[in-house]
Amino acid sequence: MMKITTKAIFSWDKDCQSYKEIYNEYYLYDGEIAYCEDEEDEEDEEDEEDEEDEEGYDFSSQPLWKKILFGGVMILGVIGLFDMFGIISVFDGDDTCDLSGCDRQGQGWDYFSESQGRAFGQDMVGCIRKYSSAIGYCSRSHCWQDQ
């Protein structure tokens, strides 16, 4: 026997912070159940999936815009990885310290007047090092000197 719900009404419970069912209309059903697919369809789908696994992903069937987007994302990802590990630098400008007279390479230190998030219960404002960047100041002390 199966319970088939035909109408259900829910209401938001502020105390539990979840929806609670307040009304339900249903009937009990004890009969045959028809499924959307028969066994032959399921076997055909499994065969198609096996063929795709053997051949690999068929990229040629994708529209041109998806191919271009995928290629662009892959190129940007490789450039980002190379830049992150210091193999190449994609910055066109001078990557030396922002403090006038300092010739050392910037190490990602920069001054932020607005919070860059929270760490250990403290707002991250002031001179903060962002490791994803090789520009800015070479040290925290140079960052504070320029403020």
N, C-alpha and C. Protein backbone atom coordinates (compact mmCIF):
# COMPACT_ATOMS: atom_id res chain seq x y z
N MET A 1 0.85 -1.17 0.00
CA MET A 1 0.00 0.00 0.00
C MET A 1 0.90 1.24 0.00
N MET A 2 0.50 2.24 -0.79
CA MET A 2 1.29 3.45 -0.97
C MET A 2 0.42 4.67 -0.73
N LYS A 3 0.97 5.66 -0.05
CA LYS A 3 0.27 6.91 0.20
C LYS A 3 0.61 7.89 -0.91
N ILE A 4 -0.39 8.35 -1.65
CA ILE A 4 -0.22 9.31 -2.74
C ILE A 4 -0.74 10.66 -2.26
N THR A 5 0.16 11.62 -2.13
CA THR A 5 -0.23 12.96 -1.68
C THR A 5 -0.70 13.77 -2.87
N THR A 6 -1.89 14.37 -2.76
CA THR A 6 -2.43 15.19 -3.84
C THR A 6 -2.35 16.67 -3.51
N LYS A 7 -2.29 17.00 -2.23
CA LYS A 7 -2.18 18.40 -1.84
C LYS A 7 -1.51 18.47 -0.47
N ALA A 8 -0.51 19.33 -0.37
CA ALA A 8 0.16 19.53 0.92
C ALA A 8 0.41 21.01 1.09
N ILE A 9 0.17 21.52 2.29
CA ILE A 9 0.40 22.93 2.60
C ILE A 9 1.40 23.00 3.74
N PHE A 10 2.42 23.83 3.55
CA PHE A 10 3.47 24.00 4.55
C PHE A 10 3.48 25.44 5.04
N SER A 11 3.93 25.62 6.26
CA SER A 11 4.04 26.95 6.85
C SER A 11 5.41 27.06 7.53
N TRP A 12 6.01 28.25 7.47
CA TRP A 12 7.33 28.48 8.07
C TRP A 12 7.21 28.55 9.59
N ASP A 13 7.98 27.74 10.29
CA ASP A 13 8.01 27.74 11.75
C ASP A 13 9.24 28.52 12.20
N LYS A 14 9.02 29.68 12.79
CA LYS A 14 10.14 30.55 13.20
C LYS A 14 11.00 29.91 14.28
N ASP A 15 10.38 29.15 15.16
CA ASP A 15 11.15 28.53 16.25
C ASP A 15 12.11 27.47 15.74
N CYS A 16 11.65 26.63 14.83
CA CYS A 16 12.49 25.54 14.29
C CYS A 16 13.29 25.97 13.07
N GLN A 17 12.97 27.14 12.50
CA GLN A 17 13.62 27.63 11.29
C GLN A 17 13.51 26.62 10.14
N SER A 18 12.29 26.06 9.99
CA SER A 18 12.05 25.13 8.90
C SER A 18 10.55 25.14 8.58
N TYR A 19 10.20 24.53 7.44
CA TYR A 19 8.80 24.41 7.07
C TYR A 19 8.17 23.22 7.78
N LYS A 20 6.92 23.42 8.22
CA LYS A 20 6.15 22.35 8.87
C LYS A 20 4.87 22.13 8.05
N GLU A 21 4.52 20.87 7.86
CA GLU A 21 3.31 20.55 7.13
C GLU A 21 2.11 20.85 8.03
N ILE A 22 1.16 21.65 7.50
CA ILE A 22 -0.02 21.99 8.29
C ILE A 22 -1.29 21.37 7.72
N TYR A 23 -1.25 20.89 6.46
CA TYR A 23 -2.41 20.28 5.85
C TYR A 23 -1.94 19.28 4.78
N ASN A 24 -2.67 18.14 4.68
CA ASN A 24 -2.28 17.12 3.72
C ASN A 24 -3.52 16.39 3.23
N GLU A 25 -3.70 16.32 1.92
CA GLU A 25 -4.74 15.49 1.30
C GLU A 25 -4.06 14.35 0.58
N TYR A 26 -4.56 13.13 0.76
CA TYR A 26 -3.92 11.98 0.13
C TYR A 26 -4.94 10.86 -0.04
N TYR A 27 -4.52 9.84 -0.78
CA TYR A 27 -5.29 8.61 -0.86
C TYR A 27 -4.31 7.44 -0.84
N LEU A 28 -4.83 6.28 -0.46
CA LEU A 28 -4.01 5.09 -0.40
C LEU A 28 -4.16 4.31 -1.71
N TYR A 29 -3.05 3.85 -2.25
CA TYR A 29 -3.04 3.16 -3.54
C TYR A 29 -2.35 1.82 -3.37
N ASP A 30 -3.01 0.79 -3.88
CA ASP A 30 -2.43 -0.56 -3.81
C ASP A 30 -2.61 -1.20 -5.17
N GLY A 31 -1.85 -0.71 -6.13
CA GLY A 31 -1.99 -1.25 -7.48
C GLY A 31 -0.64 -1.31 -8.17
N GLU A 32 -0.72 -1.58 -9.46
CA GLU A 32 0.49 -1.70 -10.26
C GLU A 32 1.10 -0.32 -10.51
N ILE A 33 2.42 -0.27 -10.58
CA ILE A 33 3.12 0.99 -10.81
C ILE A 33 3.77 0.92 -12.19
N ALA A 34 3.49 1.92 -13.02
CA ALA A 34 4.10 1.98 -14.35
C ALA A 34 5.30 2.92 -14.28
N TYR A 35 6.42 2.47 -14.79
CA TYR A 35 7.63 3.28 -14.82
C TYR A 35 7.81 3.91 -16.20
N CYS A 36 8.55 4.99 -16.27
CA CYS A 36 8.74 5.71 -17.53
C CYS A 36 9.54 4.92 -18.54
N GLU A 37 10.47 4.09 -18.09
CA GLU A 37 11.33 3.35 -19.01
C GLU A 37 11.08 1.86 -18.84
N ASP A 38 11.20 1.13 -19.94
CA ASP A 38 11.14 -0.31 -19.80
C ASP A 38 12.56 -0.87 -19.79
N GLU A 39 12.71 -2.14 -19.59
CA GLU A 39 14.02 -2.77 -19.44
C GLU A 39 14.87 -2.62 -20.69
N GLU A 40 14.26 -2.68 -21.89
CA GLU A 40 15.03 -2.56 -23.13
C GLU A 40 15.67 -1.19 -23.24
N ASP A 41 14.92 -0.11 -22.87
CA ASP A 41 15.47 1.24 -22.92
C ASP A 41 16.66 1.37 -21.98
N GLU A 42 16.55 0.81 -20.79
CA GLU A 42 17.63 0.89 -19.82
C GLU A 42 18.88 0.19 -20.33
N GLU A 43 18.71 -0.98 -20.98
CA GLU A 43 19.86 -1.70 -21.52
C GLU A 43 20.52 -0.91 -22.63
N ASP A 44 19.71 -0.26 -23.51
CA ASP A 44 20.26 0.55 -24.60
C ASP A 44 21.09 1.70 -24.05
N GLU A 45 20.58 2.37 -23.00
CA GLU A 45 21.32 3.48 -22.39
C GLU A 45 22.64 3.01 -21.79
N GLU A 46 22.63 1.86 -21.13
CA GLU A 46 23.85 1.32 -20.55
C GLU A 46 24.87 1.01 -21.63
N ASP A 47 24.42 0.47 -22.78
CA ASP A 47 25.33 0.18 -23.89
C ASP A 47 25.93 1.47 -24.43
N GLU A 48 25.11 2.52 -24.58
CA GLU A 48 25.62 3.81 -25.07
C GLU A 48 26.65 4.38 -24.11
N GLU A 49 26.40 4.29 -22.80
CA GLU A 49 27.35 4.79 -21.81
C GLU A 49 28.67 4.02 -21.87
N ASP A 50 28.59 2.71 -22.05
CA ASP A 50 29.81 1.89 -22.17
C ASP A 50 30.61 2.31 -23.39
N GLU A 51 29.92 2.58 -24.53
CA GLU A 51 30.62 3.00 -25.74
C GLU A 51 31.31 4.33 -25.53
N GLU A 52 30.65 5.29 -24.84
CA GLU A 52 31.27 6.59 -24.57
C GLU A 52 32.49 6.43 -23.69
N ASP A 53 32.43 5.55 -22.70
CA ASP A 53 33.57 5.34 -21.81
C ASP A 53 34.76 4.78 -22.59
N GLU A 54 34.50 3.88 -23.53
CA GLU A 54 35.58 3.28 -24.29
C GLU A 54 36.23 4.29 -25.22
N GLU A 55 35.42 5.13 -25.87
CA GLU A 55 35.94 6.09 -26.85
C GLU A 55 36.44 7.37 -26.20
N GLY A 56 36.00 7.70 -25.01
CA GLY A 56 36.35 8.97 -24.38
C GLY A 56 35.30 10.02 -24.69
N TYR A 57 35.55 11.24 -24.27
CA TYR A 57 34.60 12.33 -24.46
C TYR A 57 34.62 12.81 -25.90
N ASP A 58 33.46 12.89 -26.53
CA ASP A 58 33.36 13.34 -27.92
C ASP A 58 33.22 14.85 -27.95
N PHE A 59 34.37 15.55 -27.98
CA PHE A 59 34.37 17.01 -27.95
C PHE A 59 33.90 17.61 -29.27
N SER A 60 34.00 16.86 -30.36
CA SER A 60 33.63 17.39 -31.67
C SER A 60 32.13 17.63 -31.80
N SER A 61 31.34 16.99 -30.96
CA SER A 61 29.89 17.17 -31.04
C SER A 61 29.42 18.44 -30.34
N GLN A 62 30.31 19.14 -29.64
CA GLN A 62 29.94 20.35 -28.91
C GLN A 62 29.85 21.54 -29.86
N PRO A 63 28.98 22.53 -29.56
CA PRO A 63 28.90 23.73 -30.41
C PRO A 63 30.20 24.54 -30.30
N LEU A 64 30.45 25.36 -31.30
CA LEU A 64 31.68 26.13 -31.39
C LEU A 64 31.90 27.02 -30.17
N TRP A 65 30.83 27.67 -29.67
CA TRP A 65 31.01 28.58 -28.54
C TRP A 65 31.49 27.84 -27.30
N LYS A 66 31.06 26.58 -27.11
CA LYS A 66 31.53 25.81 -25.96
C LYS A 66 33.00 25.43 -26.12
N LYS A 67 33.40 25.11 -27.35
CA LYS A 67 34.80 24.78 -27.60
C LYS A 67 35.70 25.98 -27.31
N ILE A 68 35.28 27.16 -27.78
CA ILE A 68 36.07 28.38 -27.57
C ILE A 68 36.13 28.71 -26.09
N LEU A 69 35.01 28.63 -25.40
CA LEU A 69 34.98 28.91 -23.96
C LEU A 69 35.87 27.95 -23.19
N PHE A 70 35.77 26.66 -23.51
CA PHE A 70 36.60 25.66 -22.84
C PHE A 70 38.08 25.92 -23.08
N GLY A 71 38.44 26.21 -24.32
CA GLY A 71 39.84 26.50 -24.66
C GLY A 71 40.35 27.73 -23.92
N GLY A 72 39.54 28.78 -23.86
CA GLY A 72 39.94 30.00 -23.16
C GLY A 72 40.14 29.77 -21.68
N VAL A 73 39.24 29.02 -21.07
CA VAL A 73 39.36 28.72 -19.64
C VAL A 73 40.62 27.91 -19.37
N MET A 74 40.91 26.94 -20.24
CA MET A 74 42.11 26.13 -20.07
C MET A 74 43.38 26.98 -20.18
N ILE A 75 43.43 27.87 -21.16
CA ILE A 75 44.60 28.73 -21.34
C ILE A 75 44.78 29.64 -20.13
N LEU A 76 43.71 30.26 -19.66
CA LEU A 76 43.80 31.13 -18.49
C LEU A 76 44.23 30.34 -17.25
N GLY A 77 43.75 29.11 -17.13
CA GLY A 77 44.14 28.28 -15.99
C GLY A 77 45.62 27.97 -16.00
N VAL A 78 46.16 27.63 -17.17
CA VAL A 78 47.59 27.32 -17.27
C VAL A 78 48.42 28.56 -16.98
N ILE A 79 48.03 29.71 -17.54
CA ILE A 79 48.75 30.95 -17.28
C ILE A 79 48.70 31.29 -15.79
N GLY A 80 47.53 31.11 -15.18
CA GLY A 80 47.39 31.38 -13.74
C GLY A 80 48.29 30.49 -12.90
N LEU A 81 48.38 29.22 -13.25
CA LEU A 81 49.26 28.30 -12.52
C LEU A 81 50.72 28.70 -12.68
N PHE A 82 51.13 29.02 -13.90
CA PHE A 82 52.51 29.43 -14.14
C PHE A 82 52.83 30.70 -13.35
N ASP A 83 51.88 31.64 -13.35
CA ASP A 83 52.10 32.89 -12.63
C ASP A 83 52.16 32.65 -11.12
N MET A 84 51.31 31.78 -10.63
CA MET A 84 51.26 31.50 -9.20
C MET A 84 52.57 30.89 -8.71
N PHE A 85 53.17 30.03 -9.51
CA PHE A 85 54.41 29.37 -9.11
C PHE A 85 55.65 30.14 -9.55
N GLY A 86 55.47 31.34 -10.09
CA GLY A 86 56.61 32.19 -10.44
C GLY A 86 57.34 31.79 -11.70
N ILE A 87 56.74 30.93 -12.53
CA ILE A 87 57.39 30.52 -13.77
C ILE A 87 57.34 31.66 -14.78
N ILE A 88 56.20 32.35 -14.85
CA ILE A 88 56.07 33.52 -15.70
C ILE A 88 55.37 34.61 -14.90
N SER A 89 55.43 35.83 -15.38
CA SER A 89 54.70 36.92 -14.74
C SER A 89 53.83 37.58 -15.79
N VAL A 90 52.54 37.68 -15.52
CA VAL A 90 51.63 38.27 -16.49
C VAL A 90 51.44 39.77 -16.26
N PHE A 91 52.10 40.31 -15.26
CA PHE A 91 51.99 41.74 -14.98
C PHE A 91 52.89 42.50 -15.93
N ASP A 92 52.33 43.51 -16.60
CA ASP A 92 53.10 44.27 -17.58
C ASP A 92 53.94 45.35 -16.92
N GLY A 93 53.58 45.75 -15.74
CA GLY A 93 54.26 46.89 -15.12
C GLY A 93 55.48 46.49 -14.32
N ASP A 94 55.95 47.43 -13.55
CA ASP A 94 57.09 47.25 -12.67
C ASP A 94 56.64 46.44 -11.46
N ASP A 95 57.34 45.36 -11.15
CA ASP A 95 56.94 44.53 -10.01
C ASP A 95 57.81 44.78 -8.78
N THR A 96 58.47 45.94 -8.73
CA THR A 96 59.27 46.27 -7.55
C THR A 96 58.36 46.87 -6.48
N CYS A 97 58.90 46.98 -5.29
CA CYS A 97 58.19 47.51 -4.14
C CYS A 97 57.61 48.89 -4.46
N ASP A 98 56.40 49.17 -3.97
CA ASP A 98 55.73 50.44 -4.24
C ASP A 98 56.33 51.61 -3.45
N LEU A 99 57.16 51.32 -2.45
CA LEU A 99 57.78 52.39 -1.67
C LEU A 99 58.86 53.06 -2.51
N SER A 100 58.79 54.36 -2.61
CA SER A 100 59.75 55.11 -3.41
C SER A 100 61.17 54.85 -2.92
N GLY A 101 62.08 54.49 -3.82
CA GLY A 101 63.48 54.25 -3.48
C GLY A 101 63.81 52.80 -3.18
N CYS A 102 62.82 51.93 -3.05
CA CYS A 102 63.08 50.52 -2.76
C CYS A 102 63.08 49.74 -4.08
N ASP A 103 64.15 48.97 -4.32
CA ASP A 103 64.28 48.21 -5.56
C ASP A 103 63.94 46.73 -5.40
N ARG A 104 63.53 46.31 -4.20
CA ARG A 104 63.20 44.90 -4.01
C ARG A 104 61.87 44.56 -4.68
N GLN A 105 61.69 43.29 -4.97
CA GLN A 105 60.47 42.83 -5.63
C GLN A 105 59.30 42.89 -4.66
N GLY A 106 58.14 43.34 -5.17
CA GLY A 106 56.92 43.37 -4.36
C GLY A 106 56.54 41.96 -3.93
N GLN A 107 56.05 41.84 -2.70
CA GLN A 107 55.69 40.53 -2.16
C GLN A 107 54.20 40.41 -1.82
N GLY A 108 53.39 41.31 -2.37
CA GLY A 108 51.94 41.20 -2.17
C GLY A 108 51.40 42.01 -1.01
N TRP A 109 52.24 42.76 -0.30
CA TRP A 109 51.75 43.59 0.81
C TRP A 109 51.07 44.82 0.24
N ASP A 110 49.91 45.17 0.79
CA ASP A 110 49.19 46.35 0.35
C ASP A 110 48.34 46.87 1.50
N TYR A 111 47.97 48.14 1.44
CA TYR A 111 47.16 48.76 2.48
C TYR A 111 45.70 48.74 2.07
N PHE A 112 44.84 48.27 2.99
CA PHE A 112 43.41 48.21 2.75
C PHE A 112 42.69 48.95 3.87
N SER A 113 41.88 49.95 3.49
CA SER A 113 41.14 50.70 4.50
C SER A 113 39.82 50.01 4.85
N GLU A 114 39.35 49.13 3.99
CA GLU A 114 38.14 48.36 4.27
C GLU A 114 38.52 46.92 4.54
N SER A 115 37.70 46.24 5.34
CA SER A 115 37.99 44.86 5.74
C SER A 115 38.09 43.95 4.53
N GLN A 116 39.09 43.08 4.55
CA GLN A 116 39.29 42.07 3.51
C GLN A 116 38.83 40.70 4.00
N GLY A 117 38.02 40.72 5.06
CA GLY A 117 37.54 39.49 5.66
C GLY A 117 37.93 39.45 7.13
N ARG A 118 37.70 38.32 7.77
CA ARG A 118 38.04 38.17 9.19
C ARG A 118 38.94 36.97 9.36
N ALA A 119 39.90 37.10 10.26
CA ALA A 119 40.78 35.99 10.61
C ALA A 119 41.00 36.04 12.11
N PHE A 120 40.80 34.93 12.78
CA PHE A 120 40.98 34.83 14.22
C PHE A 120 40.18 35.90 14.97
N GLY A 121 38.96 36.18 14.47
CA GLY A 121 38.07 37.12 15.12
C GLY A 121 38.41 38.59 14.89
N GLN A 122 39.36 38.87 14.03
CA GLN A 122 39.77 40.26 13.77
C GLN A 122 39.49 40.62 12.32
N ASP A 123 39.06 41.88 12.10
CA ASP A 123 38.90 42.35 10.73
C ASP A 123 40.27 42.53 10.11
N MET A 124 40.37 42.14 8.86
CA MET A 124 41.64 42.29 8.15
C MET A 124 41.66 43.64 7.44
N VAL A 125 42.20 44.65 8.12
CA VAL A 125 42.38 45.99 7.56
C VAL A 125 43.82 46.41 7.82
N GLY A 126 44.27 47.43 7.10
CA GLY A 126 45.64 47.90 7.25
C GLY A 126 46.53 47.23 6.23
N CYS A 127 47.77 46.96 6.61
CA CYS A 127 48.73 46.32 5.71
C CYS A 127 48.55 44.81 5.76
N ILE A 128 48.12 44.25 4.65
CA ILE A 128 47.81 42.83 4.56
C ILE A 128 48.54 42.26 3.36
N ARG A 129 49.06 41.05 3.52
CA ARG A 129 49.74 40.39 2.41
C ARG A 129 48.77 39.44 1.71
N LYS A 130 48.63 39.63 0.41
CA LYS A 130 47.84 38.71 -0.42
C LYS A 130 48.84 37.89 -1.21
N TYR A 131 48.92 36.61 -0.89
CA TYR A 131 49.93 35.74 -1.48
C TYR A 131 49.73 35.49 -2.97
N SER A 132 48.54 35.79 -3.48
CA SER A 132 48.28 35.56 -4.90
C SER A 132 48.87 36.67 -5.75
N SER A 133 49.48 37.67 -5.13
CA SER A 133 49.99 38.81 -5.88
C SER A 133 51.48 38.99 -5.64
N ALA A 134 52.21 39.32 -6.70
CA ALA A 134 53.65 39.59 -6.57
C ALA A 134 53.93 41.07 -6.74
N ILE A 135 52.92 41.89 -6.55
CA ILE A 135 53.10 43.34 -6.65
C ILE A 135 52.79 43.94 -5.30
N GLY A 136 52.92 45.25 -5.18
CA GLY A 136 52.68 45.92 -3.92
C GLY A 136 53.99 46.19 -3.21
N TYR A 137 53.96 46.12 -1.90
CA TYR A 137 55.15 46.39 -1.10
C TYR A 137 55.91 45.10 -0.82
N CYS A 138 57.22 45.26 -0.54
CA CYS A 138 58.05 44.08 -0.28
C CYS A 138 57.93 43.61 1.16
N SER A 139 57.44 44.46 2.06
CA SER A 139 57.33 44.08 3.46
C SER A 139 56.22 44.89 4.12
N ARG A 140 55.79 44.44 5.30
CA ARG A 140 54.76 45.16 6.04
C ARG A 140 55.27 46.54 6.47
N SER A 141 56.52 46.61 6.86
CA SER A 141 57.06 47.88 7.33
C SER A 141 57.08 48.93 6.20
N HIS A 142 57.40 48.51 4.98
CA HIS A 142 57.35 49.46 3.86
C HIS A 142 55.93 49.88 3.56
N CYS A 143 54.99 48.99 3.72
CA CYS A 143 53.57 49.32 3.52
C CYS A 143 53.15 50.40 4.51
N TRP A 144 53.52 50.24 5.80
CA TRP A 144 53.14 51.23 6.82
C TRP A 144 53.88 52.55 6.63
N GLN A 145 55.13 52.49 6.16
CA GLN A 145 55.90 53.74 5.95
C GLN A 145 55.25 54.64 4.93
N ASP A 146 54.59 54.06 3.95
CA ASP A 146 54.01 54.84 2.85
C ASP A 146 52.63 55.38 3.20
N GLN A 147 52.09 55.05 4.37
CA GLN A 147 50.72 55.50 4.70
C GLN A 147 50.71 56.83 5.41
